Amino acid sequence: MTNPSKSTTAEIEAEIHRVCSLLGSIARQYPNDSPEALAIRDAAFAFQQLQWHKGLLQSYRKLKAALNGEKDEEIRKKLIESGIDPDELDEEI
């Protein structure tokens, strides 16, 4: 992924697949229930979650810019229904 701040969903998915495949190949060198394999699994999960978070944050920034920084109540409500606190997003920007 060349520029994580300008990634598409497909690029994010490709990067997650690439990194998780690499981590999987490393994890296969250990017994499935070993501390090493479990740590690698946890690292892959954390990487995936972080990448999706960055992608969602990027999408939110684009949406906010398209609305000239304003969030109407309908968008605010949909974000909340999706489990996203718009005020917390503003703090991260």
N, C-alpha and C. Protein backbone atom coordinates (compact mmCIF):
# COMPACT_ATOMS: atom_id res chain seq x y z
N MET A 1 0.86 -1.16 0.00
CA MET A 1 0.00 0.00 0.00
C MET A 1 0.91 1.22 0.00
N THR A 2 0.77 2.05 -1.04
CA THR A 2 1.69 3.16 -1.18
C THR A 2 1.43 4.30 -0.22
N ASN A 3 0.18 4.72 -0.09
CA ASN A 3 -0.15 5.83 0.79
C ASN A 3 -1.39 5.47 1.60
N PRO A 4 -1.20 5.04 2.87
CA PRO A 4 -2.34 4.59 3.66
C PRO A 4 -3.43 5.64 3.84
N SER A 5 -3.11 6.92 3.72
CA SER A 5 -4.13 7.94 3.92
C SER A 5 -5.02 8.10 2.70
N LYS A 6 -4.66 7.47 1.57
CA LYS A 6 -5.46 7.58 0.35
C LYS A 6 -5.87 6.21 -0.17
N SER A 7 -6.09 5.26 0.71
CA SER A 7 -6.40 3.89 0.33
C SER A 7 -7.87 3.70 0.03
N THR A 8 -8.12 2.79 -0.92
CA THR A 8 -9.48 2.37 -1.18
C THR A 8 -9.76 1.13 -0.34
N THR A 9 -11.02 0.75 -0.27
CA THR A 9 -11.37 -0.46 0.47
C THR A 9 -10.63 -1.67 -0.09
N ALA A 10 -10.55 -1.77 -1.41
CA ALA A 10 -9.85 -2.90 -2.04
C ALA A 10 -8.37 -2.91 -1.66
N GLU A 11 -7.76 -1.74 -1.59
CA GLU A 11 -6.34 -1.67 -1.21
C GLU A 11 -6.16 -2.06 0.25
N ILE A 12 -7.07 -1.64 1.10
CA ILE A 12 -7.00 -2.00 2.51
C ILE A 12 -7.14 -3.51 2.66
N GLU A 13 -8.13 -4.10 1.96
CA GLU A 13 -8.32 -5.55 2.02
C GLU A 13 -7.10 -6.29 1.51
N ALA A 14 -6.50 -5.80 0.42
CA ALA A 14 -5.31 -6.45 -0.14
C ALA A 14 -4.14 -6.39 0.85
N GLU A 15 -4.00 -5.26 1.51
CA GLU A 15 -2.90 -5.12 2.49
C GLU A 15 -3.13 -6.03 3.69
N ILE A 16 -4.37 -6.10 4.16
CA ILE A 16 -4.69 -7.00 5.27
C ILE A 16 -4.38 -8.44 4.87
N HIS A 17 -4.81 -8.82 3.68
CA HIS A 17 -4.55 -10.19 3.21
C HIS A 17 -3.06 -10.46 3.11
N ARG A 18 -2.31 -9.50 2.56
CA ARG A 18 -0.86 -9.68 2.41
C ARG A 18 -0.17 -9.88 3.75
N VAL A 19 -0.46 -8.99 4.70
CA VAL A 19 0.20 -9.06 6.01
C VAL A 19 -0.25 -10.29 6.78
N CYS A 20 -1.55 -10.59 6.75
CA CYS A 20 -2.04 -11.75 7.49
C CYS A 20 -1.53 -13.06 6.89
N SER A 21 -1.36 -13.11 5.57
CA SER A 21 -0.76 -14.30 4.94
C SER A 21 0.67 -14.48 5.40
N LEU A 22 1.40 -13.39 5.46
CA LEU A 22 2.79 -13.44 5.93
C LEU A 22 2.83 -13.90 7.39
N LEU A 23 1.99 -13.32 8.22
CA LEU A 23 1.95 -13.72 9.62
C LEU A 23 1.51 -15.18 9.77
N GLY A 24 0.59 -15.62 8.92
CA GLY A 24 0.16 -17.02 8.94
C GLY A 24 1.29 -17.97 8.60
N SER A 25 2.10 -17.59 7.62
CA SER A 25 3.23 -18.45 7.26
C SER A 25 4.25 -18.55 8.40
N ILE A 26 4.39 -17.48 9.14
CA ILE A 26 5.28 -17.52 10.31
C ILE A 26 4.65 -18.36 11.42
N ALA A 27 3.36 -18.18 11.65
CA ALA A 27 2.68 -18.90 12.72
C ALA A 27 2.69 -20.41 12.48
N ARG A 28 2.66 -20.83 11.22
CA ARG A 28 2.66 -22.27 10.91
C ARG A 28 3.96 -22.96 11.31
N GLN A 29 4.95 -22.19 11.64
CA GLN A 29 6.22 -22.77 12.09
C GLN A 29 6.14 -23.21 13.56
N TYR A 30 5.05 -22.91 14.22
CA TYR A 30 4.87 -23.22 15.64
C TYR A 30 3.64 -24.11 15.81
N PRO A 31 3.59 -24.87 16.88
CA PRO A 31 2.36 -25.63 17.18
C PRO A 31 1.18 -24.65 17.34
N ASN A 32 -0.01 -25.10 16.92
CA ASN A 32 -1.20 -24.22 16.91
C ASN A 32 -1.49 -23.56 18.24
N ASP A 33 -1.26 -24.26 19.34
CA ASP A 33 -1.61 -23.70 20.65
C ASP A 33 -0.40 -23.12 21.39
N SER A 34 0.69 -22.95 20.68
CA SER A 34 1.89 -22.39 21.34
C SER A 34 1.71 -20.90 21.61
N PRO A 35 2.42 -20.37 22.59
CA PRO A 35 2.33 -18.93 22.86
C PRO A 35 2.72 -18.09 21.64
N GLU A 36 3.68 -18.58 20.86
CA GLU A 36 4.12 -17.83 19.68
C GLU A 36 3.01 -17.75 18.63
N ALA A 37 2.38 -18.91 18.35
CA ALA A 37 1.31 -18.92 17.35
C ALA A 37 0.13 -18.07 17.81
N LEU A 38 -0.20 -18.14 19.08
CA LEU A 38 -1.31 -17.33 19.60
C LEU A 38 -0.99 -15.84 19.54
N ALA A 39 0.25 -15.48 19.83
CA ALA A 39 0.65 -14.07 19.76
C ALA A 39 0.59 -13.56 18.32
N ILE A 40 1.01 -14.39 17.38
CA ILE A 40 0.97 -14.00 15.97
C ILE A 40 -0.49 -13.86 15.52
N ARG A 41 -1.35 -14.76 15.95
CA ARG A 41 -2.77 -14.66 15.63
C ARG A 41 -3.35 -13.35 16.17
N ASP A 42 -3.01 -13.03 17.41
CA ASP A 42 -3.49 -11.79 18.01
C ASP A 42 -2.96 -10.56 17.27
N ALA A 43 -1.71 -10.64 16.83
CA ALA A 43 -1.11 -9.53 16.08
C ALA A 43 -1.83 -9.34 14.74
N ALA A 44 -2.16 -10.45 14.08
CA ALA A 44 -2.89 -10.37 12.81
C ALA A 44 -4.26 -9.75 13.02
N PHE A 45 -4.95 -10.15 14.08
CA PHE A 45 -6.26 -9.60 14.38
C PHE A 45 -6.15 -8.09 14.67
N ALA A 46 -5.17 -7.71 15.47
CA ALA A 46 -4.99 -6.30 15.80
C ALA A 46 -4.66 -5.48 14.55
N PHE A 47 -3.83 -6.02 13.67
CA PHE A 47 -3.49 -5.33 12.43
C PHE A 47 -4.74 -5.11 11.59
N GLN A 48 -5.56 -6.15 11.47
CA GLN A 48 -6.79 -6.05 10.69
C GLN A 48 -7.70 -4.97 11.27
N GLN A 49 -7.90 -4.98 12.57
CA GLN A 49 -8.78 -3.99 13.19
C GLN A 49 -8.25 -2.57 13.00
N LEU A 50 -6.95 -2.41 13.13
CA LEU A 50 -6.34 -1.08 12.97
C LEU A 50 -6.53 -0.58 11.54
N GLN A 51 -6.33 -1.45 10.57
CA GLN A 51 -6.48 -1.04 9.18
C GLN A 51 -7.92 -0.63 8.87
N TRP A 52 -8.89 -1.40 9.37
CA TRP A 52 -10.29 -1.04 9.14
C TRP A 52 -10.63 0.27 9.85
N HIS A 53 -10.09 0.47 11.05
CA HIS A 53 -10.33 1.72 11.77
C HIS A 53 -9.80 2.90 10.96
N LYS A 54 -8.58 2.76 10.45
CA LYS A 54 -7.99 3.84 9.65
C LYS A 54 -8.83 4.12 8.40
N GLY A 55 -9.32 3.05 7.77
CA GLY A 55 -10.15 3.22 6.59
C GLY A 55 -11.46 3.92 6.89
N LEU A 56 -12.10 3.53 8.00
CA LEU A 56 -13.35 4.18 8.39
C LEU A 56 -13.12 5.64 8.75
N LEU A 57 -12.02 5.91 9.42
CA LEU A 57 -11.71 7.29 9.79
C LEU A 57 -11.47 8.12 8.54
N GLN A 58 -10.78 7.55 7.56
CA GLN A 58 -10.55 8.24 6.30
C GLN A 58 -11.87 8.54 5.59
N SER A 59 -12.77 7.56 5.58
CA SER A 59 -14.08 7.76 4.96
C SER A 59 -14.86 8.86 5.68
N TYR A 60 -14.78 8.86 7.00
CA TYR A 60 -15.47 9.89 7.78
C TYR A 60 -14.91 11.27 7.43
N ARG A 61 -13.61 11.37 7.31
CA ARG A 61 -13.00 12.66 6.97
C ARG A 61 -13.48 13.15 5.61
N LYS A 62 -13.55 12.23 4.64
CA LYS A 62 -14.03 12.60 3.31
C LYS A 62 -15.49 13.05 3.37
N LEU A 63 -16.30 12.33 4.13
CA LEU A 63 -17.70 12.70 4.28
C LEU A 63 -17.83 14.07 4.92
N LYS A 64 -17.06 14.29 5.96
CA LYS A 64 -17.13 15.58 6.67
C LYS A 64 -16.68 16.72 5.75
N ALA A 65 -15.63 16.48 4.96
CA ALA A 65 -15.16 17.50 4.03
C ALA A 65 -16.23 17.79 2.96
N ALA A 66 -16.90 16.74 2.48
CA ALA A 66 -17.95 16.92 1.47
C ALA A 66 -19.11 17.72 2.03
N LEU A 67 -19.31 17.65 3.32
CA LEU A 67 -20.40 18.40 3.97
C LEU A 67 -19.91 19.73 4.54
N ASN A 68 -18.72 20.14 4.14
CA ASN A 68 -18.10 21.38 4.62
C ASN A 68 -17.98 21.41 6.14
N GLY A 69 -17.66 20.28 6.73
CA GLY A 69 -17.45 20.21 8.16
C GLY A 69 -18.70 20.06 8.98
N GLU A 70 -19.84 20.05 8.33
CA GLU A 70 -21.11 19.95 9.06
C GLU A 70 -21.62 18.51 9.03
N LYS A 71 -22.18 18.09 10.14
CA LYS A 71 -22.83 16.78 10.22
C LYS A 71 -24.30 17.03 10.44
N ASP A 72 -25.13 16.64 9.47
CA ASP A 72 -26.55 16.82 9.72
C ASP A 72 -27.02 15.71 10.66
N GLU A 73 -28.19 15.88 11.19
CA GLU A 73 -28.69 14.96 12.21
C GLU A 73 -28.90 13.55 11.66
N GLU A 74 -29.28 13.44 10.39
CA GLU A 74 -29.50 12.11 9.81
C GLU A 74 -28.17 11.34 9.75
N ILE A 75 -27.11 11.97 9.31
CA ILE A 75 -25.81 11.31 9.26
C ILE A 75 -25.33 10.99 10.66
N ARG A 76 -25.49 11.93 11.57
CA ARG A 76 -25.10 11.72 12.96
C ARG A 76 -25.82 10.50 13.55
N LYS A 77 -27.12 10.40 13.28
CA LYS A 77 -27.91 9.29 13.79
C LYS A 77 -27.43 7.96 13.20
N LYS A 78 -27.14 7.94 11.89
CA LYS A 78 -26.67 6.71 11.25
C LYS A 78 -25.31 6.29 11.80
N LEU A 79 -24.43 7.25 12.07
CA LEU A 79 -23.14 6.92 12.66
C LEU A 79 -23.33 6.28 14.03
N ILE A 80 -24.20 6.86 14.83
CA ILE A 80 -24.46 6.34 16.18
C ILE A 80 -25.08 4.94 16.10
N GLU A 81 -26.02 4.74 15.16
CA GLU A 81 -26.63 3.43 14.98
C GLU A 81 -25.60 2.37 14.56
N SER A 82 -24.54 2.81 13.89
CA SER A 82 -23.47 1.91 13.46
C SER A 82 -22.43 1.69 14.55
N GLY A 83 -22.67 2.29 15.72
CA GLY A 83 -21.73 2.12 16.83
C GLY A 83 -20.58 3.10 16.79
N ILE A 84 -20.73 4.18 16.03
CA ILE A 84 -19.67 5.18 15.90
C ILE A 84 -20.12 6.45 16.59
N ASP A 85 -19.32 6.93 17.52
CA ASP A 85 -19.61 8.19 18.20
C ASP A 85 -18.98 9.32 17.40
N PRO A 86 -19.78 10.14 16.71
CA PRO A 86 -19.22 11.20 15.88
C PRO A 86 -18.33 12.18 16.64
N ASP A 87 -18.65 12.41 17.90
CA ASP A 87 -17.83 13.33 18.70
C ASP A 87 -16.45 12.76 18.96
N GLU A 88 -16.36 11.45 19.17
CA GLU A 88 -15.05 10.82 19.35
C GLU A 88 -14.25 10.89 18.07
N LEU A 89 -14.90 10.73 16.93
CA LEU A 89 -14.20 10.83 15.65
C LEU A 89 -13.59 12.22 15.49
N ASP A 90 -14.35 13.24 15.86
CA ASP A 90 -13.84 14.60 15.76
C ASP A 90 -12.59 14.80 16.61
N GLU A 91 -12.54 14.14 17.77
CA GLU A 91 -11.38 14.24 18.63
C GLU A 91 -10.15 13.59 18.01
N GLU A 92 -10.34 12.55 17.18
CA GLU A 92 -9.23 11.84 16.57
C GLU A 92 -8.66 12.57 15.36
N ILE A 93 -9.43 13.46 14.79
CA ILE A 93 -9.01 14.13 13.54
C ILE A 93 -7.96 15.15 13.80
